[in-house]
Protein backbone atom coordinates (compact mmCIF):
# COMPACT_ATOMS: atom_id res chain seq x y z
CA MET A 1 0.00 0.00 0.00
CA LYS A 2 1.31 3.44 -0.91
CA THR A 3 0.38 6.95 0.15
CA TRP A 4 -0.59 9.47 -2.50
CA LYS A 5 1.67 12.38 -3.30
CA LYS A 6 1.28 15.29 -5.67
CA SER A 7 1.83 14.57 -9.36
CA ILE A 8 5.03 16.02 -10.82
CA MET A 9 3.22 16.57 -14.14
CA LEU A 10 0.91 19.47 -14.86
CA PRO A 11 -2.24 17.72 -16.03
CA ILE A 12 -4.13 19.43 -18.78
CA ILE A 13 -7.32 18.93 -16.82
CA ALA A 14 -5.73 20.84 -13.96
CA ALA A 15 -4.97 23.75 -16.25
CA ILE A 16 -8.55 23.84 -17.45
CA LEU A 17 -9.78 23.77 -13.89
CA VAL A 18 -7.62 26.72 -12.87
CA ALA A 19 -9.21 28.85 -15.56
CA THR A 20 -12.80 27.78 -15.11
CA MET A 21 -13.44 26.46 -11.62
CA ALA A 22 -13.49 27.71 -8.05
CA PHE A 23 -12.88 26.40 -4.56
CA ALA A 24 -15.17 23.83 -3.00
CA PRO A 25 -14.86 21.58 0.01
CA VAL A 26 -12.16 18.98 -0.61
CA SER A 27 -12.82 15.47 0.69
CA ALA A 28 -10.64 14.17 3.49
CA GLY A 29 -9.45 11.50 1.12
CA GLY A 30 -10.10 7.87 0.42
CA THR A 31 -8.56 5.03 -1.57
CA LEU A 32 -7.66 4.75 -5.25
CA PHE A 33 -7.26 1.08 -6.09
CA VAL A 34 -7.11 -1.63 -8.75
CA SER A 35 -10.07 -4.03 -8.81
CA PRO A 36 -9.84 -6.93 -8.46
CA SER A 37 -6.79 -6.42 -6.27
CA SER A 38 -5.33 -9.82 -7.19
CA ILE A 39 -5.84 -12.13 -10.17
CA VAL A 40 -4.07 -15.47 -9.66
CA ASP A 41 -5.36 -17.85 -12.31
CA GLU A 42 -3.41 -20.60 -14.06
CA THR A 43 -6.07 -20.77 -16.80
CA LYS A 44 -5.03 -17.30 -18.03
CA VAL A 45 -2.68 -18.67 -20.68
CA ALA A 46 -1.17 -16.81 -23.64
CA GLY A 47 -3.91 -15.32 -25.79
CA SER A 48 -6.53 -15.02 -23.06
CA THR A 49 -7.82 -11.64 -21.87
CA PHE A 50 -9.09 -10.09 -18.67
CA ASP A 51 -10.31 -6.71 -17.40
CA ILE A 52 -9.35 -4.65 -14.39
CA THR A 53 -10.78 -1.34 -13.21
CA VAL A 54 -9.25 1.61 -11.41
CA ASP A 55 -11.72 2.76 -8.77
CA VAL A 56 -12.15 5.19 -5.89
CA ASP A 57 -13.98 4.29 -2.70
CA ALA A 58 -16.59 6.23 -0.72
CA GLY A 59 -13.89 8.29 0.99
CA VAL A 60 -13.44 10.28 -2.24
CA THR A 61 -16.10 12.96 -2.67
CA ASN A 62 -16.68 15.95 -4.97
CA LEU A 63 -14.36 14.53 -7.64
CA TRP A 64 -14.19 16.65 -10.79
CA GLY A 65 -11.35 15.04 -12.72
CA TYR A 66 -8.46 12.63 -12.57
CA GLU A 67 -5.19 11.63 -14.16
CA VAL A 68 -4.04 8.02 -13.72
CA VAL A 69 -0.97 6.20 -15.02
CA LEU A 70 -0.93 2.42 -14.58
CA ARG A 71 2.22 0.37 -15.25
CA TYR A 72 2.54 -3.36 -15.98
CA ASN A 73 5.02 -6.08 -16.98
CA THR A 74 5.20 -6.20 -20.79
CA ALA A 75 6.87 -9.63 -20.74
CA VAL A 76 3.63 -11.08 -19.38
CA LEU A 77 0.83 -8.69 -20.42
CA THR A 78 -0.24 -6.37 -23.24
CA ALA A 79 -2.75 -3.59 -22.58
CA ILE A 80 -5.14 -3.63 -25.54
CA LEU A 81 -7.98 -1.31 -24.51
CA SER A 82 -8.55 1.54 -22.07
CA THR A 83 -12.13 2.71 -21.50
CA PRO A 84 -12.79 5.73 -19.25
CA THR A 85 -16.12 5.62 -17.47
CA THR A 86 -18.87 7.72 -19.04
CA ALA A 87 -19.30 9.63 -15.78
CA PHE A 88 -16.22 11.67 -16.75
CA SER A 89 -17.06 12.47 -20.33
CA ASP A 90 -14.32 15.00 -21.16
CA VAL A 91 -11.31 12.80 -21.92
CA SER A 92 -8.02 14.69 -22.26
CA PHE A 93 -5.76 11.65 -22.66
CA ASN A 94 -6.38 7.97 -23.24
CA MET A 95 -3.12 6.40 -24.32
CA ILE A 96 -1.45 2.97 -24.22
CA ASN A 97 2.32 2.61 -24.64
CA ASP A 98 2.91 -1.14 -24.58
CA ALA A 99 6.60 -0.79 -25.38
CA ALA A 100 7.07 1.13 -22.12
CA GLY A 101 4.33 -0.74 -20.29
CA TRP A 102 1.91 1.98 -19.25
CA VAL A 103 -1.66 3.21 -19.68
CA TRP A 104 -2.31 6.94 -19.24
CA VAL A 105 -5.83 8.30 -18.80
CA ALA A 106 -6.96 11.82 -17.90
CA ALA A 107 -10.64 12.75 -17.84
CA SER A 108 -13.04 15.16 -16.14
CA LEU A 109 -16.61 16.26 -15.83
CA PRO A 110 -17.78 18.76 -18.48
CA MET A 111 -16.28 22.21 -18.26
CA GLY A 112 -18.25 24.45 -15.91
CA THR A 113 -19.53 21.63 -13.71
CA LYS A 114 -19.64 22.89 -10.12
CA VAL A 115 -20.52 19.71 -8.24
CA GLY A 116 -18.26 16.68 -8.41
CA VAL A 117 -18.89 12.94 -8.24
CA ASP A 118 -18.82 11.01 -4.97
CA GLY A 119 -17.33 7.56 -4.62
CA PRO A 120 -17.48 4.66 -4.89
CA GLN A 121 -16.82 5.16 -8.58
CA THR A 122 -14.99 3.38 -11.41
CA LEU A 123 -12.65 5.72 -13.29
CA VAL A 124 -11.38 3.49 -16.11
CA THR A 125 -11.58 -0.12 -17.31
CA ILE A 126 -8.40 -1.61 -18.82
CA THR A 127 -8.34 -4.80 -20.88
CA PHE A 128 -5.18 -6.92 -20.96
CA SER A 129 -4.09 -9.75 -23.20
CA VAL A 130 -1.83 -12.43 -21.68
CA ASP A 131 1.47 -12.96 -23.51
CA ASP A 132 3.32 -15.47 -21.36
CA ILE A 133 3.51 -17.26 -18.03
CA GLY A 134 4.60 -15.03 -15.17
CA THR A 135 3.55 -12.27 -12.80
CA SER A 136 2.89 -8.55 -13.07
CA THR A 137 2.23 -5.82 -10.57
CA LEU A 138 -0.54 -3.53 -11.81
CA ASN A 139 1.08 -0.42 -10.46
CA ILE A 140 -0.75 2.90 -10.15
CA ASP A 141 2.17 5.30 -10.53
CA GLU A 142 1.74 7.79 -7.71
CA SER A 143 4.10 10.31 -9.32
CA TYR A 144 1.73 10.77 -12.26
CA THR A 145 -1.63 10.27 -10.59
CA THR A 146 -3.88 13.13 -9.47
CA LEU A 147 -7.49 13.46 -8.32
CA ILE A 148 -8.94 16.97 -8.62
CA SER A 149 -11.82 18.30 -6.55
CA ALA A 150 -14.69 20.26 -8.07
CA ALA A 151 -14.60 24.01 -7.52
CA GLY A 152 -17.06 26.29 -5.75
CA ALA A 153 -18.62 29.65 -6.44
CA GLN A 154 -15.54 31.83 -7.01
CA PRO A 155 -13.03 31.41 -9.86
CA LEU A 156 -9.50 30.41 -8.87
CA PRO A 157 -6.73 32.96 -9.39
CA PRO A 158 -4.25 31.75 -12.05
CA TRP A 159 -1.49 31.33 -9.44
CA VAL A 160 -3.59 29.07 -7.21
CA PRO A 161 -3.40 25.35 -8.04
CA PRO A 162 -6.67 23.42 -8.20
CA PRO A 163 -7.58 21.58 -5.00
CA GLN A 164 -6.44 17.96 -5.09
CA ILE A 165 -7.95 15.06 -3.20
CA PRO A 166 -5.46 13.07 -1.12
CA VAL A 167 -5.81 9.30 -1.50
CA THR A 168 -4.11 6.09 -0.50
CA ILE A 169 -3.09 4.05 -3.55
CA VAL A 170 -3.43 0.27 -3.64
CA ASP A 171 -1.89 -1.60 -6.59
CA GLY A 172 -3.13 -4.79 -8.22
CA TYR A 173 -1.38 -8.07 -9.02
CA PHE A 174 -1.60 -10.67 -11.79
CA ALA A 175 -0.12 -14.18 -11.86
CA ASN A 176 -0.89 -17.19 -14.02
CA THR A 177 1.52 -19.53 -12.32
CA LEU A 178 1.74 -20.61 -8.72
CA GLY A 179 4.69 -21.81 -6.74
CA ILE A 180 8.43 -21.42 -6.82
CA VAL A 181 9.89 -21.93 -10.27
CA ALA A 182 13.34 -22.35 -11.74
CA LEU A 183 14.53 -19.66 -14.13
CA ASN A 184 16.13 -22.14 -16.54
CA THR A 185 19.50 -20.99 -15.19
CA MET A 186 21.65 -23.44 -13.28
CA PHE A 187 25.39 -23.21 -12.85
CA VAL A 188 28.07 -25.81 -12.36
CA GLU A 189 31.41 -24.61 -11.09
CA THR A 190 33.02 -25.77 -14.32
CA ARG A 191 31.86 -27.73 -17.36
CA ARG A 192 35.15 -29.68 -17.30
CA PHE A 193 36.14 -30.56 -13.75
CA SER A 194 39.77 -31.63 -13.32
CA LEU A 195 41.19 -33.02 -10.08
CA ILE A 196 44.57 -31.60 -11.08
CA THR A 197 43.31 -28.03 -11.12
CA ASP A 198 40.85 -28.54 -8.26
CA PRO A 199 42.29 -31.26 -6.01
CA GLU A 200 39.67 -30.78 -3.29
CA GLY A 201 37.22 -32.42 -5.68
CA LEU A 202 34.19 -30.22 -4.87
CA GLN A 203 32.00 -29.15 -7.77
CA THR A 204 29.54 -26.42 -6.68
CA LEU A 205 26.03 -26.68 -8.15
CA THR A 206 23.84 -23.57 -8.06
CA GLY A 207 20.21 -22.98 -9.08
CA LEU A 208 18.47 -19.63 -9.63
CA ILE A 209 14.78 -19.68 -8.62
CA LYS A 210 11.93 -17.20 -8.29
CA GLU A 211 8.69 -16.92 -6.30
CA MET A 212 5.72 -16.79 -8.70
CA GLY A 213 2.40 -16.03 -7.04
CA PHE A 214 2.56 -18.29 -3.96
CA GLY A 215 3.76 -15.90 -1.27
CA TRP A 216 6.27 -16.05 1.57
CA THR A 217 7.67 -19.55 2.08
CA LYS A 218 10.88 -21.60 2.25
CA ALA A 219 12.51 -23.14 -0.80
CA ARG A 220 15.28 -25.61 -1.61
CA VAL A 221 16.77 -27.31 -4.65
CA LYS A 222 17.36 -31.04 -5.02
CA PHE A 223 20.28 -31.82 -7.36
CA THR A 224 20.32 -35.25 -9.02
CA VAL A 225 23.41 -36.41 -10.94
CA TYR A 226 23.06 -38.86 -13.85
CA ASP A 227 25.75 -40.71 -15.79
CA ALA A 228 25.98 -40.81 -19.59
CA GLU A 229 23.50 -43.71 -19.70
CA GLY A 230 20.93 -41.78 -17.66
CA LYS A 231 21.49 -43.75 -14.47
CA ARG A 232 21.04 -41.83 -11.23
CA VAL A 233 24.34 -41.82 -9.36
CA LYS A 234 24.02 -39.08 -6.74
CA GLU A 235 21.46 -36.85 -5.01
CA LEU A 236 22.21 -33.66 -3.10
CA MET A 237 19.98 -31.16 -1.31
CA SER A 238 20.72 -27.45 -1.10
CA GLU A 239 20.27 -25.35 1.99
CA GLU A 240 16.74 -24.09 2.74
CA LYS A 241 16.09 -20.36 2.34
CA SER A 242 13.13 -18.09 2.91
CA ILE A 243 11.81 -16.46 -0.25
CA ALA A 244 9.58 -13.39 -0.52
CA PRO A 245 6.94 -12.61 -3.17
CA GLU A 246 8.57 -12.13 -6.61
CA GLN A 247 12.03 -12.54 -5.09
CA GLU A 248 14.87 -14.31 -6.92
CA ILE A 249 17.40 -16.30 -4.89
CA THR A 250 20.21 -18.77 -5.55
CA LEU A 251 20.57 -22.10 -3.77
CA SER A 252 23.63 -24.34 -3.97
CA ALA A 253 25.20 -27.63 -2.92
CA ASP A 254 28.70 -29.11 -3.21
CA LEU A 255 29.23 -32.34 -5.17
CA ASN A 256 32.26 -34.45 -4.24
CA VAL A 257 33.36 -35.66 -7.66
CA ARG A 258 35.75 -38.17 -6.07
CA GLU A 259 32.65 -40.26 -5.47
CA LEU A 260 32.02 -40.42 -9.24
CA ARG A 261 33.62 -42.63 -11.86
CA MET A 262 36.17 -40.76 -13.97
CA PRO A 263 36.93 -39.79 -16.61
CA ALA A 264 33.25 -39.63 -17.54
CA SER A 265 30.43 -37.31 -18.58
CA TYR A 266 27.51 -36.47 -16.34
CA SER A 267 24.38 -34.36 -16.26
CA VAL A 268 22.79 -32.77 -13.22
CA GLU A 269 19.12 -31.94 -12.76
CA ALA A 270 17.97 -29.29 -10.28
CA LEU A 271 14.42 -29.69 -8.96
CA VAL A 272 12.83 -26.77 -7.11
CA GLU A 273 10.87 -27.61 -3.95
CA TYR A 274 9.03 -25.36 -1.49
CA LEU A 275 6.82 -25.56 1.58
CA ASP A 276 3.10 -25.37 0.78
CA THR A 277 0.44 -24.08 3.15
CA THR A 278 0.26 -27.46 4.94
CA GLY A 279 4.00 -27.46 5.65
CA THR A 280 4.67 -30.15 3.03
CA TRP A 281 7.57 -29.95 0.60
CA VAL A 282 6.22 -29.91 -2.97
CA SER A 283 7.91 -29.44 -6.34
CA GLY A 284 7.73 -26.24 -8.39
CA ARG A 285 4.78 -25.62 -10.71
CA LYS A 286 4.68 -25.46 -14.49
CA GLY A 287 6.30 -22.29 -15.69
CA SER A 288 5.81 -22.05 -19.45
CA PRO A 289 3.54 -23.46 -22.16
CA GLN A 290 6.52 -25.36 -23.59
CA GLY A 291 7.37 -27.28 -20.44
CA THR A 292 8.10 -27.03 -16.77
CA ARG A 293 10.41 -24.63 -15.09
CA SER A 294 10.44 -26.62 -11.88
CA THR A 295 13.61 -28.33 -13.16
CA MET A 296 16.87 -27.28 -14.81
CA THR A 297 19.65 -29.43 -16.30
CA LYS A 298 23.34 -28.93 -17.00
CA SER A 299 26.07 -31.24 -18.31
CA PHE A 300 29.70 -31.55 -17.21
CA THR A 301 32.65 -33.93 -17.40
CA VAL A 302 35.07 -35.12 -14.74
CA VAL A 303 38.69 -36.04 -15.47
CA ASP A 304 41.49 -37.17 -13.19
CA TYR A 305 44.23 -35.36 -15.10
């Protein structure tokens, strides 16, 4: 949750208001929020669509106009339509910049309107298309967001800014995968491990993982080593670490290659596991339409020279 602060832009609707409106009681403030606040749905695959709205609650009163900028993750979503509510019929801006990942809307009541709109009220509906598996914060950018109160009986002097309504901003969240997933990036200390250059015989295995829509939990990585024929020859477990929402962490374990036959080629698989809500260790969820990101693989050889 974030606290509203004054926009650093000079909204066009604010300029109009300075010239045409007058003071009126300004509401004590309410909440500007994305609805629904969270969409976590594994059925929202690439090509599907969904709508969110940007709303104000009943704490916002006498609202004459607004400017809202909403940002999103372009790797996961594409904004395809922005529809301001008909209650604010004078639309100054209604723009989508998908390359930069933002939607910008500015609208107001008709010029000369003296009495504003009271919340609860929807300001704009935004339609998204899903591009890929992942997560996205639906971030109302407080630096470019302004709610303007209706004016009263007397015109505002040009040097007096229009009265703004203070609000608390609450962002939204989208995820179409649940769990802790691998990022298809696993590291072995070296692809060609030589006991001459590394006589201690420890090959460090490291997996990069990310929280995707599950929430705070603990995670670990199980490393399984296979020989060239695909036979399982060794299993190792990393340390356990706490992981926060949308956080990326690395987990590692040391493989003693002296326990392996050499010279020979091997592959290692890293399986992500995490604690579910029942306290049970479960494997990572599917992470892309092409396969599962709960595992990663890497090949290496071991020589004794």
